[in-house]
Amino acid sequence: MSARWRLLGCRGCGSTIAEAVLVLAGIEYDREEINYEEAGPARDRLLALNPLGQVPTLVMPDGAVMTETAAIVLHVDELHPDAGLLPRPGDPRRRDALRWLVFFVAAIYPTFTYGDDPAKWAGAGGGEALRASTNEHREKLWMQLDAAAAPTGPYFLGEHTSALDLYICVATCWRPRRAWFLANAPRLHAIATRVEADPRLAALLSRELAVYPRD
């Protein structure tokens, strides 16, 4: 049994968020690049751990498997509260952090689930309409989140960074991409660029997000 955590991930995917969480918490880990869309031994290893075939899939030192970025954030926050992933229990900002953390995974993420491969869900005839509708809905959700960001602080919750900023940094590289955020959700754009400049995360994010066009 390994003493290190093992992260199965894919460049530029949601696994980047989980990897950033591990970095901020100072957890030693090994990373395995997985193309979850390509059949083969690597995907077979992923499916054996996570039948949904999704990343991130995290194997902890005791062999337990964790999936879902929000669950990983909550678990690591319990183990390493000093990492600042979430405000401490009793801090009124924690309820806001939990609200918007779930908003990410319950509202924004599904627009990619259905919009990235719309023919899978709507058939060839309805795929184009589904992609267009999920793109439009996602933009409305992002603007709602932009309005909810702290008006005076450099990060989403105010003066101190949190896991929410990691989500913002990574997901704003996805559709509709950073140029749209600069024009339509400037608070989120500023947060994203500020997180990328964090010296603790700069190397990781530079590697992972290089697959996407920049402003």
C-alpha atoms as a PDB file:
ATOM      1  CA  MET A   1       0.000   0.000   0.000  1.00  0.00           C
ATOM      2  CA  SER A   2       1.459   3.353  -1.089  1.00  0.00           C
ATOM      3  CA  ALA A   3       1.992   6.161   1.409  1.00  0.00           C
ATOM      4  CA  ARG A   4       1.233   8.675  -1.334  1.00  0.00           C
ATOM      5  CA  TRP A   5      -2.049   9.727  -2.845  1.00  0.00           C
ATOM      6  CA  ARG A   6      -2.603   8.904  -6.540  1.00  0.00           C
ATOM      7  CA  LEU A   7      -4.566  11.180  -8.831  1.00  0.00           C
ATOM      8  CA  LEU A   8      -5.898  10.029 -12.172  1.00  0.00           C
ATOM      9  CA  GLY A   9      -6.421  13.125 -14.259  1.00  0.00           C
ATOM     10  CA  CYS A  10      -6.505  14.708 -17.692  1.00  0.00           C
ATOM     11  CA  ARG A  11      -4.820  17.954 -18.699  1.00  0.00           C
ATOM     12  CA  GLY A  12      -7.115  20.929 -18.445  1.00  0.00           C
ATOM     13  CA  CYS A  13     -10.018  18.932 -16.986  1.00  0.00           C
ATOM     14  CA  GLY A  14     -11.706  19.176 -13.606  1.00  0.00           C
ATOM     15  CA  SER A  15      -8.887  17.067 -12.225  1.00  0.00           C
ATOM     16  CA  THR A  16      -6.778  20.226 -12.354  1.00  0.00           C
ATOM     17  CA  ILE A  17      -8.936  21.601  -9.535  1.00  0.00           C
ATOM     18  CA  ALA A  18      -8.367  18.505  -7.414  1.00  0.00           C
ATOM     19  CA  GLU A  19      -4.641  18.601  -8.106  1.00  0.00           C
ATOM     20  CA  ALA A  20      -4.471  22.245  -7.049  1.00  0.00           C
ATOM     21  CA  VAL A  21      -6.255  21.294  -3.824  1.00  0.00           C
ATOM     22  CA  LEU A  22      -3.568  18.707  -3.089  1.00  0.00           C
ATOM     23  CA  VAL A  23      -0.821  21.230  -3.807  1.00  0.00           C
ATOM     24  CA  LEU A  24      -2.292  23.855  -1.482  1.00  0.00           C
ATOM     25  CA  ALA A  25      -2.737  21.269   1.267  1.00  0.00           C
ATOM     26  CA  GLY A  26       0.864  20.084   0.916  1.00  0.00           C
ATOM     27  CA  ILE A  27      -0.185  16.501   0.191  1.00  0.00           C
ATOM     28  CA  GLU A  28       2.352  14.359  -1.638  1.00  0.00           C
ATOM     29  CA  TYR A  29       0.814  12.590  -4.604  1.00  0.00           C
ATOM     30  CA  ASP A  30       1.525  10.853  -7.881  1.00  0.00           C
ATOM     31  CA  ARG A  31      -0.390  11.789 -11.008  1.00  0.00           C
ATOM     32  CA  GLU A  32      -1.389   9.533 -13.876  1.00  0.00           C
ATOM     33  CA  GLU A  33      -2.522  11.139 -17.127  1.00  0.00           C
ATOM     34  CA  ILE A  34      -5.668   9.438 -18.419  1.00  0.00           C
ATOM     35  CA  ASN A  35      -7.474  10.019 -21.701  1.00  0.00           C
ATOM     36  CA  TYR A  36     -10.869   8.971 -20.417  1.00  0.00           C
ATOM     37  CA  GLU A  37     -12.344   8.978 -23.926  1.00  0.00           C
ATOM     38  CA  GLU A  38      -9.805   6.551 -25.405  1.00  0.00           C
ATOM     39  CA  ALA A  39     -10.253   2.810 -25.005  1.00  0.00           C
ATOM     40  CA  GLY A  40      -7.241   0.948 -23.686  1.00  0.00           C
ATOM     41  CA  PRO A  41      -5.439  -0.174 -20.535  1.00  0.00           C
ATOM     42  CA  ALA A  42      -5.391   3.314 -19.001  1.00  0.00           C
ATOM     43  CA  ARG A  43      -9.140   3.728 -19.352  1.00  0.00           C
ATOM     44  CA  ASP A  44      -9.628   0.213 -18.033  1.00  0.00           C
ATOM     45  CA  ARG A  45      -7.686   1.170 -14.896  1.00  0.00           C
ATOM     46  CA  LEU A  46      -9.863   4.237 -14.521  1.00  0.00           C
ATOM     47  CA  LEU A  47     -13.101   2.280 -14.960  1.00  0.00           C
ATOM     48  CA  ALA A  48     -11.997  -0.264 -12.364  1.00  0.00           C
ATOM     49  CA  LEU A  49     -11.769   2.575  -9.851  1.00  0.00           C
ATOM     50  CA  ASN A  50     -14.603   4.776 -11.108  1.00  0.00           C
ATOM     51  CA  PRO A  51     -17.295   3.091 -13.237  1.00  0.00           C
ATOM     52  CA  LEU A  52     -18.335   6.510 -14.586  1.00  0.00           C
ATOM     53  CA  GLY A  53     -14.927   6.767 -16.257  1.00  0.00           C
ATOM     54  CA  GLN A  54     -14.483  10.341 -15.076  1.00  0.00           C
ATOM     55  CA  VAL A  55     -11.614  12.387 -13.684  1.00  0.00           C
ATOM     56  CA  PRO A  56     -10.556  13.296 -11.107  1.00  0.00           C
ATOM     57  CA  THR A  57     -10.379   9.883  -9.533  1.00  0.00           C
ATOM     58  CA  LEU A  58      -8.289   9.901  -6.387  1.00  0.00           C
ATOM     59  CA  VAL A  59      -6.800   6.847  -4.669  1.00  0.00           C
ATOM     60  CA  MET A  60      -5.756   7.551  -1.109  1.00  0.00           C
ATOM     61  CA  PRO A  61      -2.979   5.817   0.838  1.00  0.00           C
ATOM     62  CA  ASP A  62      -5.382   3.323   2.438  1.00  0.00           C
ATOM     63  CA  GLY A  63      -6.697   2.331  -0.987  1.00  0.00           C
ATOM     64  CA  ALA A  64     -10.009   4.179  -0.678  1.00  0.00           C
ATOM     65  CA  VAL A  65     -11.248   5.899  -3.816  1.00  0.00           C
ATOM     66  CA  MET A  66     -12.692   9.398  -3.971  1.00  0.00           C
ATOM     67  CA  THR A  67     -14.356  11.078  -6.924  1.00  0.00           C
ATOM     68  CA  GLU A  68     -16.193  14.391  -7.381  1.00  0.00           C
ATOM     69  CA  THR A  69     -14.189  17.570  -6.888  1.00  0.00           C
ATOM     70  CA  ALA A  70     -16.501  19.012  -4.244  1.00  0.00           C
ATOM     71  CA  ALA A  71     -16.188  15.863  -2.122  1.00  0.00           C
ATOM     72  CA  ILE A  72     -12.406  16.038  -2.477  1.00  0.00           C
ATOM     73  CA  VAL A  73     -12.402  19.691  -1.411  1.00  0.00           C
ATOM     74  CA  LEU A  74     -14.497  18.934   1.677  1.00  0.00           C
ATOM     75  CA  HIS A  75     -12.413  15.923   2.662  1.00  0.00           C
ATOM     76  CA  VAL A  76      -9.053  17.643   2.248  1.00  0.00           C
ATOM     77  CA  ASP A  77     -10.383  20.686   4.106  1.00  0.00           C
ATOM     78  CA  GLU A  78     -11.169  18.419   7.053  1.00  0.00           C
ATOM     79  CA  LEU A  79      -7.666  16.939   6.989  1.00  0.00           C
ATOM     80  CA  HIS A  80      -5.819  20.208   6.398  1.00  0.00           C
ATOM     81  CA  PRO A  81      -7.932  23.150   7.622  1.00  0.00           C
ATOM     82  CA  ASP A  82      -4.894  25.433   7.585  1.00  0.00           C
ATOM     83  CA  ALA A  83      -4.725  25.150   3.789  1.00  0.00           C
ATOM     84  CA  GLY A  84      -7.567  27.676   3.592  1.00  0.00           C
ATOM     85  CA  LEU A  85      -9.677  25.737   1.110  1.00  0.00           C
ATOM     86  CA  LEU A  86     -12.831  26.819   2.933  1.00  0.00           C
ATOM     87  CA  PRO A  87     -13.557  29.216   5.785  1.00  0.00           C
ATOM     88  CA  ARG A  88     -13.581  27.548   9.191  1.00  0.00           C
ATOM     89  CA  PRO A  89     -16.837  26.252  10.716  1.00  0.00           C
ATOM     90  CA  GLY A  90     -18.599  29.125  12.447  1.00  0.00           C
ATOM     91  CA  ASP A  91     -17.283  31.697   9.965  1.00  0.00           C
ATOM     92  CA  PRO A  92     -20.331  33.184   8.193  1.00  0.00           C
ATOM     93  CA  ARG A  93     -18.427  33.036   4.913  1.00  0.00           C
ATOM     94  CA  ARG A  94     -18.453  29.236   5.108  1.00  0.00           C
ATOM     95  CA  ARG A  95     -22.154  29.026   4.288  1.00  0.00           C
ATOM     96  CA  ASP A  96     -21.533  31.147   1.180  1.00  0.00           C
ATOM     97  CA  ALA A  97     -18.575  28.969   0.251  1.00  0.00           C
ATOM     98  CA  LEU A  98     -20.649  25.798   0.553  1.00  0.00           C
ATOM     99  CA  ARG A  99     -23.515  27.323  -1.408  1.00  0.00           C
ATOM    100  CA  TRP A 100     -21.383  28.314  -4.365  1.00  0.00           C
ATOM    101  CA  LEU A 101     -19.270  25.160  -4.241  1.00  0.00           C
ATOM    102  CA  VAL A 102     -22.431  23.123  -4.773  1.00  0.00           C
ATOM    103  CA  PHE A 103     -23.608  25.662  -7.377  1.00  0.00           C
ATOM    104  CA  PHE A 104     -20.512  24.866  -9.403  1.00  0.00           C
ATOM    105  CA  VAL A 105     -21.034  21.128  -9.415  1.00  0.00           C
ATOM    106  CA  ALA A 106     -24.844  21.069  -9.524  1.00  0.00           C
ATOM    107  CA  ALA A 107     -25.555  23.935 -11.934  1.00  0.00           C
ATOM    108  CA  ILE A 108     -22.492  24.824 -14.013  1.00  0.00           C
ATOM    109  CA  TYR A 109     -20.881  21.395 -14.440  1.00  0.00           C
ATOM    110  CA  PRO A 110     -23.972  19.733 -15.971  1.00  0.00           C
ATOM    111  CA  THR A 111     -23.948  22.232 -18.824  1.00  0.00           C
ATOM    112  CA  PHE A 112     -20.643  20.679 -19.871  1.00  0.00           C
ATOM    113  CA  THR A 113     -21.828  17.130 -19.201  1.00  0.00           C
ATOM    114  CA  TYR A 114     -24.637  17.548 -21.719  1.00  0.00           C
ATOM    115  CA  GLY A 115     -23.146  20.236 -23.946  1.00  0.00           C
ATOM    116  CA  ASP A 116     -19.719  18.702 -24.608  1.00  0.00           C
ATOM    117  CA  ASP A 117     -21.189  15.609 -26.273  1.00  0.00           C
ATOM    118  CA  PRO A 118     -24.800  16.598 -26.997  1.00  0.00           C
ATOM    119  CA  ALA A 119     -25.469  13.828 -29.514  1.00  0.00           C
ATOM    120  CA  LYS A 120     -24.944  11.296 -26.718  1.00  0.00           C
ATOM    121  CA  TRP A 121     -27.980  12.696 -24.904  1.00  0.00           C
ATOM    122  CA  ALA A 122     -30.180  14.188 -27.623  1.00  0.00           C
ATOM    123  CA  GLY A 123     -29.279  12.102 -30.660  1.00  0.00           C
ATOM    124  CA  ALA A 124     -27.687  13.425 -33.823  1.00  0.00           C
ATOM    125  CA  GLY A 125     -30.747  15.499 -34.687  1.00  0.00           C
ATOM    126  CA  GLY A 126     -30.972  17.344 -31.393  1.00  0.00           C
ATOM    127  CA  GLY A 127     -27.310  17.703 -30.543  1.00  0.00           C
ATOM    128  CA  GLU A 128     -26.787  21.146 -32.041  1.00  0.00           C
ATOM    129  CA  ALA A 129     -29.770  22.625 -30.206  1.00  0.00           C
ATOM    130  CA  LEU A 130     -28.703  21.073 -26.899  1.00  0.00           C
ATOM    131  CA  ARG A 131     -25.181  22.454 -27.210  1.00  0.00           C
ATOM    132  CA  ALA A 132     -26.513  25.929 -28.008  1.00  0.00           C
ATOM    133  CA  SER A 133     -28.977  25.891 -25.115  1.00  0.00           C
ATOM    134  CA  THR A 134     -26.409  24.671 -22.570  1.00  0.00           C
ATOM    135  CA  ASN A 135     -23.922  27.302 -23.756  1.00  0.00           C
ATOM    136  CA  GLU A 136     -26.537  30.030 -23.309  1.00  0.00           C
ATOM    137  CA  HIS A 137     -27.619  28.764 -19.895  1.00  0.00           C
ATOM    138  CA  ARG A 138     -24.008  28.515 -18.714  1.00  0.00           C
ATOM    139  CA  GLU A 139     -23.349  32.144 -19.565  1.00  0.00           C
ATOM    140  CA  LYS A 140     -26.319  33.175 -17.414  1.00  0.00           C
ATOM    141  CA  LEU A 141     -24.992  31.087 -14.535  1.00  0.00           C
ATOM    142  CA  TRP A 142     -21.538  32.639 -14.830  1.00  0.00           C
ATOM    143  CA  MET A 143     -23.015  36.134 -14.734  1.00  0.00           C
ATOM    144  CA  GLN A 144     -24.970  35.194 -11.612  1.00  0.00           C
ATOM    145  CA  LEU A 145     -21.751  33.996 -10.009  1.00  0.00           C
ATOM    146  CA  ASP A 146     -19.916  37.141 -11.065  1.00  0.00           C
ATOM    147  CA  ALA A 147     -22.562  39.244  -9.334  1.00  0.00           C
ATOM    148  CA  ALA A 148     -22.150  37.165  -6.164  1.00  0.00           C
ATOM    149  CA  ALA A 149     -18.382  37.668  -5.919  1.00  0.00           C
ATOM    150  CA  ALA A 150     -17.195  39.901  -3.090  1.00  0.00           C
ATOM    151  CA  PRO A 151     -17.210  43.472  -4.468  1.00  0.00           C
ATOM    152  CA  THR A 152     -14.137  44.671  -2.576  1.00  0.00           C
ATOM    153  CA  GLY A 153     -11.897  41.640  -2.141  1.00  0.00           C
ATOM    154  CA  PRO A 154      -9.423  40.184  -4.628  1.00  0.00           C
ATOM    155  CA  TYR A 155     -11.007  36.721  -4.331  1.00  0.00           C
ATOM    156  CA  PHE A 156     -14.518  35.356  -4.536  1.00  0.00           C
ATOM    157  CA  LEU A 157     -15.118  35.405  -0.778  1.00  0.00           C
ATOM    158  CA  GLY A 158     -13.146  38.584  -0.154  1.00  0.00           C
ATOM    159  CA  GLU A 159      -9.622  39.014   1.156  1.00  0.00           C
ATOM    160  CA  HIS A 160      -8.716  35.337   1.441  1.00  0.00           C
ATOM    161  CA  THR A 161      -8.527  32.734  -1.283  1.00  0.00           C
ATOM    162  CA  SER A 162     -10.586  29.531  -1.212  1.00  0.00           C
ATOM    163  CA  ALA A 163     -11.311  26.472  -3.303  1.00  0.00           C
ATOM    164  CA  LEU A 164     -13.946  28.501  -5.139  1.00  0.00           C
ATOM    165  CA  ASP A 165     -11.168  30.499  -6.745  1.00  0.00           C
ATOM    166  CA  LEU A 166      -9.628  27.278  -8.064  1.00  0.00           C
ATOM    167  CA  TYR A 167     -12.895  26.382  -9.771  1.00  0.00           C
ATOM    168  CA  ILE A 168     -13.110  29.854 -11.274  1.00  0.00           C
ATOM    169  CA  CYS A 169      -9.528  29.788 -12.528  1.00  0.00           C
ATOM    170  CA  VAL A 170      -9.846  26.440 -14.283  1.00  0.00           C
ATOM    171  CA  ALA A 171     -13.441  26.586 -15.517  1.00  0.00           C
ATOM    172  CA  THR A 172     -13.119  30.054 -17.052  1.00  0.00           C
ATOM    173  CA  CYS A 173     -10.702  28.476 -19.531  1.00  0.00           C
ATOM    174  CA  TRP A 174     -13.588  26.346 -20.792  1.00  0.00           C
ATOM    175  CA  ARG A 175     -16.431  27.619 -22.958  1.00  0.00           C
ATOM    176  CA  PRO A 176     -17.078  30.526 -23.348  1.00  0.00           C
ATOM    177  CA  ARG A 177     -13.369  31.114 -22.462  1.00  0.00           C
ATOM    178  CA  ARG A 178     -11.484  33.972 -20.891  1.00  0.00           C
ATOM    179  CA  ALA A 179     -12.170  36.722 -23.445  1.00  0.00           C
ATOM    180  CA  TRP A 180     -15.905  36.382 -22.771  1.00  0.00           C
ATOM    181  CA  PHE A 181     -15.307  36.650 -19.031  1.00  0.00           C
ATOM    182  CA  LEU A 182     -13.217  39.773 -19.453  1.00  0.00           C
ATOM    183  CA  ALA A 183     -16.137  41.414 -21.252  1.00  0.00           C
ATOM    184  CA  ASN A 184     -19.071  39.959 -19.317  1.00  0.00           C
ATOM    185  CA  ALA A 185     -17.882  38.698 -15.930  1.00  0.00           C
ATOM    186  CA  PRO A 186     -14.881  40.879 -15.058  1.00  0.00           C
ATOM    187  CA  ARG A 187     -14.750  39.942 -11.359  1.00  0.00           C
ATOM    188  CA  LEU A 188     -14.369  36.272 -12.249  1.00  0.00           C
ATOM    189  CA  HIS A 189     -11.771  37.095 -14.875  1.00  0.00           C
ATOM    190  CA  ALA A 190      -9.722  39.051 -12.343  1.00  0.00           C
ATOM    191  CA  ILE A 191      -9.930  36.189  -9.832  1.00  0.00           C
ATOM    192  CA  ALA A 192      -8.849  33.652 -12.443  1.00  0.00           C
ATOM    193  CA  THR A 193      -5.778  35.591 -13.511  1.00  0.00           C
ATOM    194  CA  ARG A 194      -4.847  36.299  -9.886  1.00  0.00           C
ATOM    195  CA  VAL A 195      -4.957  32.594  -9.008  1.00  0.00           C
ATOM    196  CA  GLU A 196      -2.789  31.724 -12.001  1.00  0.00           C
ATOM    197  CA  ALA A 197      -0.151  34.098 -10.650  1.00  0.00           C
ATOM    198  CA  ASP A 198      -0.079  32.389  -7.230  1.00  0.00           C
ATOM    199  CA  PRO A 199       3.500  31.070  -6.950  1.00  0.00           C
ATOM    200  CA  ARG A 200       2.254  27.910  -5.238  1.00  0.00           C
ATOM    201  CA  LEU A 201       0.138  27.030  -8.273  1.00  0.00           C
ATOM    202  CA  ALA A 202       1.826  28.752 -11.201  1.00  0.00           C
ATOM    203  CA  ALA A 203       3.729  25.714 -12.492  1.00  0.00           C
ATOM    204  CA  LEU A 204       0.748  23.386 -12.209  1.00  0.00           C
ATOM    205  CA  LEU A 205      -1.710  25.770 -13.854  1.00  0.00           C
ATOM    206  CA  SER A 206       0.718  26.751 -16.586  1.00  0.00           C
ATOM    207  CA  ARG A 207       1.083  23.081 -17.531  1.00  0.00           C
ATOM    208  CA  GLU A 208      -2.557  22.124 -17.199  1.00  0.00           C
ATOM    209  CA  LEU A 209      -4.207  25.137 -18.804  1.00  0.00           C
ATOM    210  CA  ALA A 210      -1.810  25.466 -21.735  1.00  0.00           C
ATOM    211  CA  VAL A 211      -4.215  23.344 -23.789  1.00  0.00           C
ATOM    212  CA  TYR A 212      -6.650  26.281 -23.945  1.00  0.00           C
ATOM    213  CA  PRO A 213      -6.343  29.550 -25.891  1.00  0.00           C
ATOM    214  CA  ARG A 214      -5.709  32.618 -23.754  1.00  0.00           C
ATOM    215  CA  ASP A 215      -6.967  36.196 -23.970  1.00  0.00           C
END
